[in-house]
Amino acid sequence: MKSLRLVLGVILSLTGIVWILQGLNLLPGSIMTGDVRWALAGAVALGLGIYLLVRSRRHAGGPE
């Protein structure tokens, strides 16, 4: 279970970063570019990703 949290945390964090950059018009080349709603969605995804990463590290010593 902790490895699943780790993988999902990394994927959500990276996706969130890309969405934030596209929403803030810093990463062009998509329909999402320049749309602030994507930056907000990216912030949510990044927050969830970080939460999952912290949870996977906090329970690293416990049983799966």
PDB file of N, CA and C in Angstrom:
ATOM      1  N   MET A   1       0.820  -1.192   0.000  1.00  0.00           N
ATOM      2  CA  MET A   1       0.000   0.000   0.000  1.00  0.00           C
ATOM      3  C   MET A   1       0.867   1.261   0.000  1.00  0.00           C
ATOM      4  N   LYS A   2       1.992   1.225   0.750  1.00  0.00           N
ATOM      5  CA  LYS A   2       2.835   2.420   0.793  1.00  0.00           C
ATOM      6  C   LYS A   2       3.496   2.685  -0.552  1.00  0.00           C
ATOM      7  N   SER A   3       3.814   1.616  -1.301  1.00  0.00           N
ATOM      8  CA  SER A   3       4.420   1.836  -2.622  1.00  0.00           C
ATOM      9  C   SER A   3       3.398   2.423  -3.592  1.00  0.00           C
ATOM     10  N   LEU A   4       2.132   2.050  -3.443  1.00  0.00           N
ATOM     11  CA  LEU A   4       1.077   2.634  -4.269  1.00  0.00           C
ATOM     12  C   LEU A   4       0.919   4.118  -3.949  1.00  0.00           C
ATOM     13  N   ARG A   5       0.946   4.461  -2.650  1.00  0.00           N
ATOM     14  CA  ARG A   5       0.877   5.877  -2.258  1.00  0.00           C
ATOM     15  C   ARG A   5       2.068   6.646  -2.807  1.00  0.00           C
ATOM     16  N   LEU A   6       3.234   6.036  -2.781  1.00  0.00           N
ATOM     17  CA  LEU A   6       4.434   6.685  -3.281  1.00  0.00           C
ATOM     18  C   LEU A   6       4.322   6.961  -4.782  1.00  0.00           C
ATOM     19  N   VAL A   7       3.915   5.967  -5.542  1.00  0.00           N
ATOM     20  CA  VAL A   7       3.797   6.120  -6.998  1.00  0.00           C
ATOM     21  C   VAL A   7       2.725   7.153  -7.346  1.00  0.00           C
ATOM     22  N   LEU A   8       1.560   7.054  -6.710  1.00  0.00           N
ATOM     23  CA  LEU A   8       0.497   8.022  -6.974  1.00  0.00           C
ATOM     24  C   LEU A   8       0.906   9.431  -6.542  1.00  0.00           C
ATOM     25  N   GLY A   9       1.627   9.537  -5.448  1.00  0.00           N
ATOM     26  CA  GLY A   9       2.105  10.831  -4.983  1.00  0.00           C
ATOM     27  C   GLY A   9       3.050  11.481  -5.980  1.00  0.00           C
ATOM     28  N   VAL A  10       3.961  10.702  -6.532  1.00  0.00           N
ATOM     29  CA  VAL A  10       4.898  11.236  -7.519  1.00  0.00           C
ATOM     30  C   VAL A  10       4.159  11.654  -8.783  1.00  0.00           C
ATOM     31  N   ILE A  11       3.260  10.813  -9.266  1.00  0.00           N
ATOM     32  CA  ILE A  11       2.506  11.128 -10.488  1.00  0.00           C
ATOM     33  C   ILE A  11       1.652  12.378 -10.294  1.00  0.00           C
ATOM     34  N   LEU A  12       0.926  12.454  -9.181  1.00  0.00           N
ATOM     35  CA  LEU A  12       0.088  13.627  -8.930  1.00  0.00           C
ATOM     36  C   LEU A  12       0.931  14.893  -8.766  1.00  0.00           C
ATOM     37  N   SER A  13       2.061  14.788  -8.103  1.00  0.00           N
ATOM     38  CA  SER A  13       2.917  15.957  -7.908  1.00  0.00           C
ATOM     39  C   SER A  13       3.460  16.470  -9.239  1.00  0.00           C
ATOM     40  N   LEU A  14       3.960  15.580 -10.064  1.00  0.00           N
ATOM     41  CA  LEU A  14       4.492  15.994 -11.361  1.00  0.00           C
ATOM     42  C   LEU A  14       3.395  16.554 -12.260  1.00  0.00           C
ATOM     43  N   THR A  15       2.243  15.914 -12.263  1.00  0.00           N
ATOM     44  CA  THR A  15       1.113  16.413 -13.048  1.00  0.00           C
ATOM     45  C   THR A  15       0.690  17.785 -12.558  1.00  0.00           C
ATOM     46  N   GLY A  16       0.623  17.953 -11.256  1.00  0.00           N
ATOM     47  CA  GLY A  16       0.248  19.246 -10.685  1.00  0.00           C
ATOM     48  C   GLY A  16       1.216  20.344 -11.083  1.00  0.00           C
ATOM     49  N   ILE A  17       2.502  20.042 -11.070  1.00  0.00           N
ATOM     50  CA  ILE A  17       3.501  21.039 -11.466  1.00  0.00           C
ATOM     51  C   ILE A  17       3.308  21.447 -12.929  1.00  0.00           C
ATOM     52  N   VAL A  18       3.093  20.475 -13.795  1.00  0.00           N
ATOM     53  CA  VAL A  18       2.875  20.780 -15.216  1.00  0.00           C
ATOM     54  C   VAL A  18       1.618  21.621 -15.387  1.00  0.00           C
ATOM     55  N   TRP A  19       0.535  21.253 -14.712  1.00  0.00           N
ATOM     56  CA  TRP A  19      -0.719  22.015 -14.831  1.00  0.00           C
ATOM     57  C   TRP A  19      -0.546  23.441 -14.326  1.00  0.00           C
ATOM     58  N   ILE A  20       0.185  23.615 -13.227  1.00  0.00           N
ATOM     59  CA  ILE A  20       0.423  24.964 -12.706  1.00  0.00           C
ATOM     60  C   ILE A  20       1.199  25.789 -13.727  1.00  0.00           C
ATOM     61  N   LEU A  21       2.256  25.227 -14.272  1.00  0.00           N
ATOM     62  CA  LEU A  21       3.062  25.948 -15.241  1.00  0.00           C
ATOM     63  C   LEU A  21       2.265  26.297 -16.494  1.00  0.00           C
ATOM     64  N   GLN A  22       1.421  25.370 -16.963  1.00  0.00           N
ATOM     65  CA  GLN A  22       0.596  25.652 -18.133  1.00  0.00           C
ATOM     66  C   GLN A  22      -0.476  26.693 -17.806  1.00  0.00           C
ATOM     67  N   GLY A  23      -1.082  26.583 -16.653  1.00  0.00           N
ATOM     68  CA  GLY A  23      -2.117  27.537 -16.276  1.00  0.00           C
ATOM     69  C   GLY A  23      -1.585  28.942 -16.103  1.00  0.00           C
ATOM     70  N   LEU A  24      -0.332  29.063 -15.690  1.00  0.00           N
ATOM     71  CA  LEU A  24       0.291  30.374 -15.517  1.00  0.00           C
ATOM     72  C   LEU A  24       1.004  30.853 -16.782  1.00  0.00           C
ATOM     73  N   ASN A  25       0.812  30.135 -17.876  1.00  0.00           N
ATOM     74  CA  ASN A  25       1.370  30.498 -19.181  1.00  0.00           C
ATOM     75  C   ASN A  25       2.896  30.450 -19.189  1.00  0.00           C
ATOM     76  N   LEU A  26       3.482  29.593 -18.372  1.00  0.00           N
ATOM     77  CA  LEU A  26       4.928  29.426 -18.334  1.00  0.00           C
ATOM     78  C   LEU A  26       5.391  28.217 -19.135  1.00  0.00           C
ATOM     79  N   LEU A  27       4.451  27.357 -19.502  1.00  0.00           N
ATOM     80  CA  LEU A  27       4.746  26.165 -20.297  1.00  0.00           C
ATOM     81  C   LEU A  27       3.745  26.133 -21.447  1.00  0.00           C
ATOM     82  N   PRO A  28       4.096  26.732 -22.577  1.00  0.00           N
ATOM     83  CA  PRO A  28       3.140  26.846 -23.678  1.00  0.00           C
ATOM     84  C   PRO A  28       2.975  25.540 -24.443  1.00  0.00           C
ATOM     85  N   GLY A  29       1.968  25.523 -25.312  1.00  0.00           N
ATOM     86  CA  GLY A  29       1.788  24.406 -26.223  1.00  0.00           C
ATOM     87  C   GLY A  29       0.592  23.536 -25.936  1.00  0.00           C
ATOM     88  N   SER A  30      -0.376  24.047 -25.212  1.00  0.00           N
ATOM     89  CA  SER A  30      -1.545  23.250 -24.870  1.00  0.00           C
ATOM     90  C   SER A  30      -2.770  24.151 -24.814  1.00  0.00           C
ATOM     91  N   ILE A  31      -3.936  23.560 -24.889  1.00  0.00           N
ATOM     92  CA  ILE A  31      -5.175  24.313 -24.729  1.00  0.00           C
ATOM     93  C   ILE A  31      -5.297  24.833 -23.298  1.00  0.00           C
ATOM     94  N   MET A  32      -4.549  24.231 -22.377  1.00  0.00           N
ATOM     95  CA  MET A  32      -4.570  24.630 -20.970  1.00  0.00           C
ATOM     96  C   MET A  32      -3.723  25.880 -20.719  1.00  0.00           C
ATOM     97  N   THR A  33      -2.884  26.247 -21.671  1.00  0.00           N
ATOM     98  CA  THR A  33      -1.953  27.349 -21.493  1.00  0.00           C
ATOM     99  C   THR A  33      -2.695  28.662 -21.268  1.00  0.00           C
ATOM    100  N   GLY A  34      -2.346  29.345 -20.199  1.00  0.00           N
ATOM    101  CA  GLY A  34      -2.914  30.646 -19.902  1.00  0.00           C
ATOM    102  C   GLY A  34      -4.261  30.618 -19.208  1.00  0.00           C
ATOM    103  N   ASP A  35      -4.759  29.442 -18.861  1.00  0.00           N
ATOM    104  CA  ASP A  35      -6.054  29.314 -18.188  1.00  0.00           C
ATOM    105  C   ASP A  35      -5.799  29.084 -16.693  1.00  0.00           C
ATOM    106  N   VAL A  36      -6.137  30.069 -15.889  1.00  0.00           N
ATOM    107  CA  VAL A  36      -5.827  30.027 -14.456  1.00  0.00           C
ATOM    108  C   VAL A  36      -6.526  28.864 -13.754  1.00  0.00           C
ATOM    109  N   ARG A  37      -7.632  28.398 -14.295  1.00  0.00           N
ATOM    110  CA  ARG A  37      -8.317  27.249 -13.681  1.00  0.00           C
ATOM    111  C   ARG A  37      -7.408  26.030 -13.630  1.00  0.00           C
ATOM    112  N   TRP A  38      -6.555  25.874 -14.645  1.00  0.00           N
ATOM    113  CA  TRP A  38      -5.627  24.746 -14.642  1.00  0.00           C
ATOM    114  C   TRP A  38      -4.542  24.924 -13.597  1.00  0.00           C
ATOM    115  N   ALA A  39      -4.146  26.159 -13.341  1.00  0.00           N
ATOM    116  CA  ALA A  39      -3.173  26.410 -12.273  1.00  0.00           C
ATOM    117  C   ALA A  39      -3.772  26.037 -10.923  1.00  0.00           C
ATOM    118  N   LEU A  40      -5.043  26.349 -10.724  1.00  0.00           N
ATOM    119  CA  LEU A  40      -5.711  25.980  -9.468  1.00  0.00           C
ATOM    120  C   LEU A  40      -5.869  24.463  -9.348  1.00  0.00           C
ATOM    121  N   ALA A  41      -6.265  23.822 -10.440  1.00  0.00           N
ATOM    122  CA  ALA A  41      -6.380  22.359 -10.423  1.00  0.00           C
ATOM    123  C   ALA A  41      -5.012  21.727 -10.175  1.00  0.00           C
ATOM    124  N   GLY A  42      -3.973  22.329 -10.737  1.00  0.00           N
ATOM    125  CA  GLY A  42      -2.617  21.836 -10.515  1.00  0.00           C
ATOM    126  C   GLY A  42      -2.186  21.979  -9.071  1.00  0.00           C
ATOM    127  N   ALA A  43      -2.595  23.073  -8.439  1.00  0.00           N
ATOM    128  CA  ALA A  43      -2.266  23.262  -7.029  1.00  0.00           C
ATOM    129  C   ALA A  43      -2.936  22.197  -6.168  1.00  0.00           C
ATOM    130  N   VAL A  44      -4.170  21.855  -6.500  1.00  0.00           N
ATOM    131  CA  VAL A  44      -4.879  20.794  -5.768  1.00  0.00           C
ATOM    132  C   VAL A  44      -4.182  19.450  -5.982  1.00  0.00           C
ATOM    133  N   ALA A  45      -3.844  19.150  -7.234  1.00  0.00           N
ATOM    134  CA  ALA A  45      -3.164  17.884  -7.543  1.00  0.00           C
ATOM    135  C   ALA A  45      -1.806  17.816  -6.843  1.00  0.00           C
ATOM    136  N   LEU A  46      -1.081  18.918  -6.849  1.00  0.00           N
ATOM    137  CA  LEU A  46       0.223  18.954  -6.179  1.00  0.00           C
ATOM    138  C   LEU A  46       0.061  18.754  -4.675  1.00  0.00           C
ATOM    139  N   GLY A  47      -0.937  19.387  -4.098  1.00  0.00           N
ATOM    140  CA  GLY A  47      -1.194  19.211  -2.665  1.00  0.00           C
ATOM    141  C   GLY A  47      -1.523  17.772  -2.316  1.00  0.00           C
ATOM    142  N   LEU A  48      -2.368  17.143  -3.121  1.00  0.00           N
ATOM    143  CA  LEU A  48      -2.707  15.737  -2.881  1.00  0.00           C
ATOM    144  C   LEU A  48      -1.486  14.839  -3.071  1.00  0.00           C
ATOM    145  N   GLY A  49      -0.680  15.145  -4.067  1.00  0.00           N
ATOM    146  CA  GLY A  49       0.529  14.365  -4.302  1.00  0.00           C
ATOM    147  C   GLY A  49       1.500  14.453  -3.140  1.00  0.00           C
ATOM    148  N   ILE A  50       1.677  15.655  -2.623  1.00  0.00           N
ATOM    149  CA  ILE A  50       2.565  15.835  -1.475  1.00  0.00           C
ATOM    150  C   ILE A  50       2.006  15.111  -0.257  1.00  0.00           C
ATOM    151  N   TYR A  51       0.702  15.193  -0.057  1.00  0.00           N
ATOM    152  CA  TYR A  51       0.062  14.479   1.057  1.00  0.00           C
ATOM    153  C   TYR A  51       0.338  12.977   0.963  1.00  0.00           C
ATOM    154  N   LEU A  52       0.179  12.409  -0.232  1.00  0.00           N
ATOM    155  CA  LEU A  52       0.427  10.972  -0.401  1.00  0.00           C
ATOM    156  C   LEU A  52       1.897  10.635  -0.180  1.00  0.00           C
ATOM    157  N   LEU A  53       2.794  11.507  -0.636  1.00  0.00           N
ATOM    158  CA  LEU A  53       4.223  11.258  -0.416  1.00  0.00           C
ATOM    159  C   LEU A  53       4.573  11.293   1.068  1.00  0.00           C
ATOM    160  N   VAL A  54       4.019  12.250   1.782  1.00  0.00           N
ATOM    161  CA  VAL A  54       4.273  12.339   3.223  1.00  0.00           C
ATOM    162  C   VAL A  54       3.714  11.113   3.932  1.00  0.00           C
ATOM    163  N   ARG A  55       2.507  10.701   3.550  1.00  0.00           N
ATOM    164  CA  ARG A  55       1.904   9.504   4.161  1.00  0.00           C
ATOM    165  C   ARG A  55       2.729   8.260   3.880  1.00  0.00           C
ATOM    166  N   SER A  56       3.264   8.144   2.669  1.00  0.00           N
ATOM    167  CA  SER A  56       4.053   6.950   2.346  1.00  0.00           C
ATOM    168  C   SER A  56       5.365   6.946   3.129  1.00  0.00           C
ATOM    169  N   ARG A  57       5.937   8.110   3.398  1.00  0.00           N
ATOM    170  CA  ARG A  57       7.173   8.178   4.177  1.00  0.00           C
ATOM    171  C   ARG A  57       6.921   7.987   5.664  1.00  0.00           C
ATOM    172  N   ARG A  58       5.807   8.508   6.160  1.00  0.00           N
ATOM    173  CA  ARG A  58       5.503   8.431   7.582  1.00  0.00           C
ATOM    174  C   ARG A  58       5.269   6.989   8.018  1.00  0.00           C
ATOM    175  N   HIS A  59       4.699   6.190   7.140  1.00  0.00           N
ATOM    176  CA  HIS A  59       4.394   4.805   7.472  1.00  0.00           C
ATOM    177  C   HIS A  59       5.413   3.849   6.887  1.00  0.00           C
ATOM    178  N   ALA A  60       6.601   4.353   6.592  1.00  0.00           N
ATOM    179  CA  ALA A  60       7.621   3.507   5.958  1.00  0.00           C
ATOM    180  C   ALA A  60       8.082   2.375   6.850  1.00  0.00           C
ATOM    181  N   GLY A  61       8.067   2.567   8.158  1.00  0.00           N
ATOM    182  CA  GLY A  61       8.552   1.532   9.059  1.00  0.00           C
ATOM    183  C   GLY A  61       7.492   0.519   9.465  1.00  0.00           C
ATOM    184  N   GLY A  62       6.245   0.821   9.213  1.00  0.00           N
ATOM    185  CA  GLY A  62       5.144  -0.038   9.643  1.00  0.00           C
ATOM    186  C   GLY A  62       4.829  -1.127   8.630  1.00  0.00           C
ATOM    187  N   PRO A  63       3.897  -2.004   9.013  1.00  0.00           N
ATOM    188  CA  PRO A  63       3.494  -3.073   8.092  1.00  0.00           C
ATOM    189  C   PRO A  63       2.678  -2.500   6.947  1.00  0.00           C
ATOM    190  N   GLU A  64       2.658  -3.241   5.852  1.00  0.00           N
ATOM    191  CA  GLU A  64       1.929  -2.765   4.680  1.00  0.00           C
ATOM    192  C   GLU A  64       0.487  -3.102   4.747  1.00  0.00           C
TER     193      GLU A  64
END
